[in-house]
Each structure stands twice: as C-alpha cells, then as structure tokens.
Amino acid sequence: MGKRILVLLFVVVLISIKVAGYEEDFDDVSPSKTGQERASCKVKKGCSKTLVCPAQCPTKKPKQNKKNKGCHIDCSGKCEATCKWRKPNCDGYGSLCYDPRFVGGDGVMFYFHGAKGGNFAIISDNNLQINAHFIGTRPQGRTRDFTWVQALNVMFDEHNLVISANKVTQWSPDVDALTVRWDGKQMDIPVEGETEWGSERKVQVERTDDKNSIRVKVEGLVELNIRVRPIGKNENLVHKYELPENDAFAHLETQFKFNNLSDLVEGILGKTYRPDYVSSAKVGVPMPVMGGEDKYQTPSLFSPLCRACRFQIKSSAVAAI
C-alpha cells in the first residue's frame, strides 16, 4: 500500500511539473554550415519553424567578447532570431533601475520610493517571490529618502538565491562588486563558461562581462540580466543626493523575464503583468509615482510575508547576506 502511494505521488509531481510548463521555448538543433546557431521553436509557443541566428551574432552566448550582442530566440508571435545586448535594458519591459524606476509588463514607466533599509516584494506569485533590499539616504530638509536596490532574493521551492552589490568606498570598474549566494553559500562565478546547480529545477549563472554583470536563469520561472553600477560624482551633484564621500552607493540594475505567471500575480512589478491590470501612475508627469509601500513591504529580504504576497515558502530555511 505504501509503495502504491509513493508511485501515485511521483506521478502527481511529474504531472504538476509538466502542467507548470518548466520547459524551454525551443530546442537547440545543429548549427548551420557557417556556424550560426539554430533553434526549433515548439509549436505550442506559436512559432513552428527553425530559427537561425543572424551572422552579426551567430551564437546565443558570444565566445570572443562578452560585451558583444548575443542571439536572442523569440518563439512568441514575433517568431524571429535577433541580436540583443546581454545587459539590462533600463527602458525595456520588466526593468528595475535608477532610484528606483520600473518599466512594467504593460510598458508603463513608474517610480517607487520605498525606504532606505526597507525590503519590498518585487514579485509574489504561487511559486516565486523576489524581494528587493533598498539602500538610500535622506539629505537634510527632504521629506523622503532617495533609494536604490542593493540586493535581490529570488525565492522558489525552499531556496534563496541572493544577488547583491557590495558596499564600495571608491568605485573601480576593475573590481568585482557583485556577490551571488545560494542558500547562504557564496558561489564562485567563473569568467569563462557558466555556473550551474540545482535541486528540483536548474539554476544557471553566467557572467556577461568580466566583472559586475551577470545573467541568471531559474528554469521555468525567471531570467534576470543584472549589472552593478555606482552613483557617479556628476550624477550625485546633478540630482543633489548629497552622498557621503566614503560610499559609492553601488546598486543593481535589473531586467526580468518571467515564465508562467498566474493571473493573480502580485508585487510592485508583478501586478503589472496581470491581464486585468490598469496602471494608476499619472501619465505625462516627469516622475509618475506608484504607491504600495504598505502592501509590499516585507519584514526582511528573506521573508515571503507582506499584505498582498501570495508565495508560500516550503521551509523555514534562513540565510543571511
């Protein structure tokens, strides 16, 4: 009887994985005679033909120079292979940059203030939550903080994948200021190739530059292009941040690509992917602001709890940055 129950549970798990769609949009096929990579899109994604990478970007991962464009396979309605920079596009869908500025799944740009030292749910769905830790400063006379995202925690199953910008006194592009931790353990990301690990699903992290730029992929859930950057002296003067001289305020610029979000997804960015979502940001003003601090603030970077959060963590495992 016990064996029968185990078999049934195993079948249920397999069915759940298939239903959740933990699959790639395409299958790789052998390269063309000219070395251009090719991919066969899956029919259910709306594109049934084999796509060939352009000669200008013959591979998905540039081998000679990471700063070159890579081949992007789009099996959606566009059904095409194009060349794209492998860095976050701060004006693109699903981006989170600057202090901090979002571009939602609906294409509408908005700002979210948050608070220095605060943690907020960027996305919260049935099987995924991404929290952000904010750093910031409040010059004398201001009524709110200037804020930036210093760290992200990608929570799924019982795991925590944390990507953070290190505190830097003086910024240097020759020093890596980016740290990746998997369930509390710091991971070494090689300059060449990629790091891959996993549990129920595969996790891949690869550098898209020698330092301070990576691409992260959690199979079937999310892809992130992330770059660490500082606040420069000129930027500090123009925006009157009044930052201290011993802190470059290194922070993350990120662009997300989500898979299989539910229609009830929540979060500062997540809700903009709902089919019934209508933006409340004022269009036409220089800085359209989105509220929601009270709905999306979490007790810590590692907590799935907020007033509107949907994610249910599978264990009480706790890590620390």
Protein backbone atom coordinates (compact mmCIF):
# COMPACT_ATOMS: atom_id res chain seq x y z
CA MET A 1 0.00 0.00 0.00
CA GLY A 2 2.86 2.35 0.94
CA LYS A 3 4.65 1.73 -2.39
CA ARG A 4 1.44 2.44 -4.31
CA ILE A 5 1.05 5.81 -2.55
CA LEU A 6 4.66 6.72 -3.35
CA VAL A 7 4.15 5.84 -7.03
CA LEU A 8 0.99 7.95 -7.17
CA LEU A 9 2.78 10.88 -5.55
CA PHE A 10 5.62 10.58 -8.06
CA VAL A 11 3.12 10.64 -10.95
CA VAL A 12 1.38 13.69 -9.47
CA VAL A 13 4.72 15.51 -9.20
CA LEU A 14 5.56 14.72 -12.83
CA ILE A 15 2.16 15.91 -13.99
CA SER A 16 2.50 19.10 -11.92
CA ILE A 17 5.90 19.83 -13.45
CA LYS A 18 4.51 19.39 -16.96
CA VAL A 19 1.44 21.49 -16.29
CA ALA A 20 3.56 24.27 -14.78
CA GLY A 21 5.45 24.46 -18.06
CA TYR A 22 9.02 24.05 -16.84
CA GLU A 23 10.25 23.81 -20.42
CA GLU A 24 12.28 25.88 -22.80
CA ASP A 25 10.56 27.75 -25.62
CA PHE A 26 12.78 25.95 -28.12
CA ASP A 27 15.10 23.02 -28.75
CA ASP A 28 18.64 23.58 -29.99
CA VAL A 29 19.48 21.97 -33.32
CA SER A 30 22.85 21.60 -35.03
CA PRO A 31 24.45 24.87 -36.22
CA SER A 32 24.43 25.86 -39.88
CA LYS A 33 27.50 25.32 -42.08
CA THR A 34 28.54 28.91 -41.34
CA GLY A 35 28.50 28.26 -37.59
CA GLN A 36 25.28 30.14 -36.88
CA GLU A 37 23.32 28.53 -34.06
CA ARG A 38 19.80 27.36 -34.79
CA ALA A 39 16.76 26.56 -32.69
CA SER A 40 13.48 24.82 -33.35
CA CYS A 41 10.56 26.55 -31.67
CA LYS A 42 7.92 24.42 -30.03
CA VAL A 43 4.58 24.55 -31.82
CA LYS A 44 2.61 25.41 -28.69
CA LYS A 45 4.57 28.65 -28.40
CA GLY A 46 3.09 29.90 -31.69
CA CYS A 47 6.17 29.52 -33.88
CA SER A 48 6.77 26.19 -35.56
CA LYS A 49 9.78 26.98 -37.75
CA THR A 50 13.52 26.65 -37.20
CA LEU A 51 15.16 29.98 -36.45
CA VAL A 52 18.74 30.79 -37.50
CA CYS A 53 20.89 33.29 -35.60
CA PRO A 54 21.98 36.31 -37.69
CA ALA A 55 25.54 36.41 -38.99
CA GLN A 56 26.16 39.52 -36.83
CA CYS A 57 25.51 37.46 -33.67
CA PRO A 58 25.91 33.80 -34.63
CA THR A 59 25.72 32.42 -31.06
CA LYS A 60 23.44 32.93 -28.08
CA LYS A 61 26.50 33.40 -25.86
CA PRO A 62 29.30 35.41 -27.51
CA LYS A 63 32.52 33.46 -27.11
CA GLN A 64 35.12 36.05 -28.17
CA ASN A 65 33.83 39.08 -26.34
CA LYS A 66 31.11 39.00 -23.70
CA LYS A 67 30.26 42.61 -24.48
CA ASN A 68 29.11 41.69 -27.98
CA LYS A 69 25.45 41.16 -28.75
CA GLY A 70 24.09 37.63 -28.43
CA CYS A 71 21.47 35.82 -30.49
CA HIS A 72 18.00 36.06 -28.96
CA ILE A 73 15.48 33.37 -29.89
CA ASP A 74 11.91 34.68 -29.76
CA CYS A 75 9.33 31.92 -30.18
CA SER A 76 6.38 34.19 -29.44
CA GLY A 77 4.27 35.89 -32.08
CA LYS A 78 7.40 37.59 -33.47
CA CYS A 79 8.93 34.21 -34.31
CA GLU A 80 12.43 35.51 -35.03
CA ALA A 81 16.10 35.37 -34.08
CA THR A 82 17.61 38.80 -33.42
CA CYS A 83 20.77 40.35 -31.96
CA LYS A 84 20.44 41.81 -28.46
CA TRP A 85 22.76 43.21 -25.85
CA ARG A 86 23.10 40.80 -22.95
CA LYS A 87 22.72 43.53 -20.36
CA PRO A 88 19.68 45.02 -18.65
CA ASN A 89 17.75 47.45 -20.81
CA CYS A 90 16.52 50.07 -18.35
CA ASP A 91 13.90 51.24 -20.82
CA GLY A 92 12.65 47.73 -21.58
CA TYR A 93 9.75 45.73 -20.20
CA GLY A 94 10.35 44.31 -16.72
CA SER A 95 13.24 46.63 -15.84
CA LEU A 96 14.23 47.98 -12.43
CA CYS A 97 16.94 50.66 -12.44
CA TYR A 98 17.98 54.03 -11.06
CA ASP A 99 16.31 55.36 -7.91
CA PRO A 100 14.32 53.09 -8.46
CA ARG A 101 12.48 53.32 -11.73
CA PHE A 102 10.37 50.46 -13.11
CA VAL A 103 9.01 49.65 -16.53
CA GLY A 104 6.09 47.28 -16.03
CA GLY A 105 4.83 44.33 -18.01
CA ASP A 106 2.36 46.77 -19.55
CA GLY A 107 5.20 49.00 -20.79
CA VAL A 108 4.31 51.88 -18.44
CA MET A 109 7.18 53.56 -16.57
CA PHE A 110 6.82 54.48 -12.90
CA TYR A 111 8.87 55.23 -9.78
CA PHE A 112 8.56 53.55 -6.39
CA HIS A 113 10.05 55.31 -3.38
CA GLY A 114 10.23 52.61 -0.72
CA ALA A 115 12.55 53.43 2.17
CA LYS A 116 16.25 53.06 2.96
CA GLY A 117 16.87 49.83 4.84
CA GLY A 118 13.47 48.53 3.72
CA ASN A 119 12.61 45.28 1.92
CA PHE A 120 9.83 45.03 -0.64
CA ALA A 121 8.24 42.30 -2.75
CA ILE A 122 9.01 42.96 -6.40
CA ILE A 123 7.01 39.92 -7.45
CA SER A 124 4.96 37.42 -5.47
CA ASP A 125 3.22 34.51 -7.13
CA ASN A 126 2.25 30.94 -6.30
CA ASN A 127 5.73 29.51 -6.90
CA LEU A 128 8.02 32.55 -6.98
CA GLN A 129 8.80 35.60 -4.90
CA ILE A 130 11.52 38.17 -5.49
CA ASN A 131 12.28 40.65 -2.73
CA ALA A 132 14.47 43.73 -3.00
CA HIS A 133 16.56 45.37 -0.29
CA PHE A 134 16.72 49.14 -0.56
CA ILE A 135 19.62 51.37 0.43
CA GLY A 136 19.32 55.13 0.49
CA THR A 137 19.92 58.49 2.01
CA ARG A 138 17.86 61.48 3.09
CA PRO A 139 19.54 64.87 2.78
CA GLN A 140 18.59 67.46 5.36
CA GLY A 141 15.28 69.13 4.55
CA ARG A 142 13.88 66.32 2.41
CA THR A 143 10.65 64.56 3.36
CA ARG A 144 11.58 61.17 1.85
CA ASP A 145 14.59 59.02 1.08
CA PHE A 146 16.50 58.67 -2.14
CA THR A 147 16.59 54.88 -2.64
CA TRP A 148 18.29 52.23 -4.78
CA VAL A 149 18.10 48.43 -4.90
CA GLN A 150 21.19 46.85 -3.31
CA ALA A 151 20.12 43.20 -3.29
CA LEU A 152 17.54 40.79 -4.70
CA ASN A 153 16.42 37.49 -3.21
CA VAL A 154 14.83 35.05 -5.66
CA MET A 155 12.74 32.64 -3.59
CA PHE A 156 11.34 29.42 -5.07
CA ASP A 157 10.58 26.00 -3.62
CA GLU A 158 12.62 26.10 -0.38
CA HIS A 159 15.56 28.03 -1.86
CA ASN A 160 17.04 31.51 -1.64
CA LEU A 161 19.14 32.88 -4.50
CA VAL A 162 20.59 36.24 -3.45
CA ILE A 163 22.33 38.64 -5.81
CA SER A 164 23.79 41.71 -4.13
CA ALA A 165 26.00 44.72 -4.77
CA ASN A 166 28.86 45.00 -2.29
CA LYS A 167 29.40 48.22 -0.37
CA VAL A 168 32.17 50.10 -2.17
CA THR A 169 34.04 53.11 -0.80
CA GLN A 170 35.57 54.16 -4.12
CA TRP A 171 34.25 52.65 -7.33
CA SER A 172 36.58 50.91 -9.76
CA PRO A 173 35.38 49.00 -12.86
CA ASP A 174 38.33 46.65 -12.34
CA VAL A 175 36.95 45.40 -9.02
CA ASP A 176 34.05 42.94 -8.90
CA ALA A 177 31.38 44.35 -6.59
CA LEU A 178 28.79 41.62 -7.19
CA THR A 179 28.07 38.66 -4.90
CA VAL A 180 25.85 35.62 -5.53
CA ARG A 181 24.69 33.36 -2.69
CA TRP A 182 22.76 30.11 -3.00
CA ASP A 183 21.00 29.10 0.24
CA GLY A 184 23.52 31.16 2.21
CA LYS A 185 26.64 29.85 0.47
CA GLN A 186 28.66 32.26 -1.66
CA MET A 187 29.05 30.98 -5.22
CA ASP A 188 32.10 31.46 -7.41
CA ILE A 189 31.04 32.61 -10.87
CA PRO A 190 33.83 31.87 -13.39
CA VAL A 191 34.83 34.40 -16.04
CA GLU A 192 34.57 31.75 -18.74
CA GLY A 193 31.62 29.40 -19.05
CA GLU A 194 28.81 29.32 -16.53
CA THR A 195 27.98 28.01 -13.10
CA GLU A 196 25.11 25.59 -12.90
CA TRP A 197 23.48 23.92 -9.95
CA GLY A 198 20.01 22.93 -9.00
CA SER A 199 17.56 20.99 -6.95
CA GLU A 200 14.07 20.48 -8.34
CA ARG A 201 14.98 22.86 -11.18
CA LYS A 202 18.17 24.00 -12.80
CA VAL A 203 19.79 27.32 -11.94
CA GLN A 204 22.34 28.90 -14.28
CA VAL A 205 24.53 31.93 -13.63
CA GLU A 206 26.97 33.29 -16.20
CA ARG A 207 28.98 36.46 -16.49
CA THR A 208 28.05 38.79 -19.34
CA ASP A 209 31.15 40.84 -18.65
CA ASP A 210 34.35 40.04 -16.79
CA LYS A 211 33.06 41.92 -13.74
CA ASN A 212 29.83 43.33 -12.34
CA SER A 213 27.43 41.89 -14.92
CA ILE A 214 25.65 38.52 -14.94
CA ARG A 215 22.71 36.65 -16.38
CA VAL A 216 20.70 34.44 -14.04
CA LYS A 217 18.18 31.83 -15.10
CA VAL A 218 15.92 29.75 -12.88
CA GLU A 219 14.43 27.06 -15.07
CA GLY A 220 10.79 27.63 -15.90
CA LEU A 221 10.42 30.68 -13.65
CA VAL A 222 12.55 33.72 -14.40
CA GLU A 223 15.58 35.14 -16.18
CA LEU A 224 17.45 38.18 -14.89
CA ASN A 225 20.05 40.38 -16.56
CA ILE A 226 21.85 42.22 -13.77
CA ARG A 227 24.55 44.87 -13.64
CA VAL A 228 26.17 46.62 -10.67
CA ARG A 229 26.83 50.32 -11.02
CA PRO A 230 27.70 53.18 -8.66
CA ILE A 231 26.39 56.70 -8.26
CA GLY A 232 28.95 58.89 -10.04
CA LYS A 233 30.14 62.26 -8.76
CA ASN A 234 28.39 64.17 -11.54
CA GLU A 235 25.15 62.22 -11.01
CA ASN A 236 25.39 62.98 -7.30
CA LEU A 237 25.73 66.71 -7.97
CA VAL A 238 23.00 66.92 -10.62
CA HIS A 239 20.38 65.10 -8.52
CA LYS A 240 21.58 66.61 -5.21
CA TYR A 241 21.78 63.23 -3.50
CA GLU A 242 24.45 64.57 -1.09
CA LEU A 243 26.04 61.13 -0.77
CA PRO A 244 28.97 60.67 1.64
CA GLU A 245 32.43 60.50 0.08
CA ASN A 246 33.15 57.07 1.59
CA ASP A 247 30.27 55.26 -0.14
CA ALA A 248 29.75 54.90 -3.91
CA PHE A 249 26.23 53.51 -3.30
CA ALA A 250 26.78 50.53 -5.60
CA HIS A 251 23.38 49.15 -6.62
CA LEU A 252 21.71 46.80 -9.07
CA GLU A 253 20.19 47.48 -12.47
CA THR A 254 17.99 44.54 -13.46
CA GLN A 255 15.73 43.42 -16.25
CA PHE A 256 13.38 40.48 -15.61
CA LYS A 257 11.80 38.00 -17.96
CA PHE A 258 9.13 35.86 -16.31
CA ASN A 259 7.66 32.49 -17.27
CA ASN A 260 4.24 31.11 -16.39
CA LEU A 261 2.99 33.88 -14.12
CA SER A 262 -0.51 33.40 -12.78
CA ASP A 263 -3.32 35.86 -13.49
CA LEU A 264 -3.27 36.86 -9.82
CA VAL A 265 0.45 37.65 -9.55
CA GLU A 266 1.30 40.40 -7.06
CA GLY A 267 4.25 42.66 -6.22
CA ILE A 268 5.40 46.13 -7.19
CA LEU A 269 6.38 44.88 -10.65
CA GLY A 270 4.41 41.64 -10.64
CA LYS A 271 0.97 43.22 -10.63
CA THR A 272 1.74 44.99 -13.92
CA TYR A 273 1.71 41.56 -15.61
CA ARG A 274 -1.88 40.81 -14.60
CA PRO A 275 -4.27 40.65 -17.58
CA ASP A 276 -6.74 42.96 -15.84
CA TYR A 277 -4.16 45.47 -14.59
CA VAL A 278 -4.70 49.18 -15.20
CA SER A 279 -1.82 51.45 -14.16
CA SER A 280 -2.55 54.09 -11.55
CA ALA A 281 0.61 56.04 -12.42
CA LYS A 282 -0.08 59.52 -13.78
CA VAL A 283 0.90 59.55 -17.45
CA GLY A 284 2.64 62.67 -18.72
CA VAL A 285 4.30 63.81 -15.49
CA PRO A 286 8.12 63.73 -15.22
CA MET A 287 8.13 61.20 -12.36
CA PRO A 288 4.95 59.09 -12.19
CA VAL A 289 4.99 57.52 -8.73
CA MET A 290 3.44 54.21 -7.76
CA GLY A 291 2.45 53.68 -4.15
CA GLY A 292 2.06 50.41 -2.31
CA GLU A 293 4.76 50.50 0.36
CA ASP A 294 2.20 49.30 2.90
CA LYS A 295 1.10 46.35 0.71
CA TYR A 296 4.52 45.11 -0.39
CA GLN A 297 6.93 45.75 2.49
CA THR A 298 8.35 42.53 3.96
CA PRO A 299 9.98 42.04 7.40
CA SER A 300 13.29 41.04 5.78
CA LEU A 301 14.91 40.23 2.46
CA PHE A 302 14.21 36.55 3.19
CA SER A 303 10.58 36.86 4.30
CA PRO A 304 7.72 35.91 1.94
CA LEU A 305 5.24 37.85 4.08
CA CYS A 306 3.51 41.06 3.09
CA ARG A 307 -0.08 42.21 2.99
CA ALA A 308 -0.53 41.28 -0.68
CA CYS A 309 2.03 38.46 -1.01
CA ARG A 310 0.97 35.10 -2.47
CA PHE A 311 4.11 32.95 -2.25
CA GLN A 312 4.17 30.13 0.27
CA ILE A 313 7.70 29.10 1.26
CA LYS A 314 8.20 25.36 1.69
CA SER A 315 10.57 25.52 4.63
CA SER A 316 11.84 27.92 7.28
CA ALA A 317 15.39 27.86 5.98
CA VAL A 318 17.04 31.18 6.65
CA ALA A 319 20.13 32.61 5.01
CA ALA A 320 22.00 35.81 5.54
CA ILE A 321 23.70 38.19 3.21
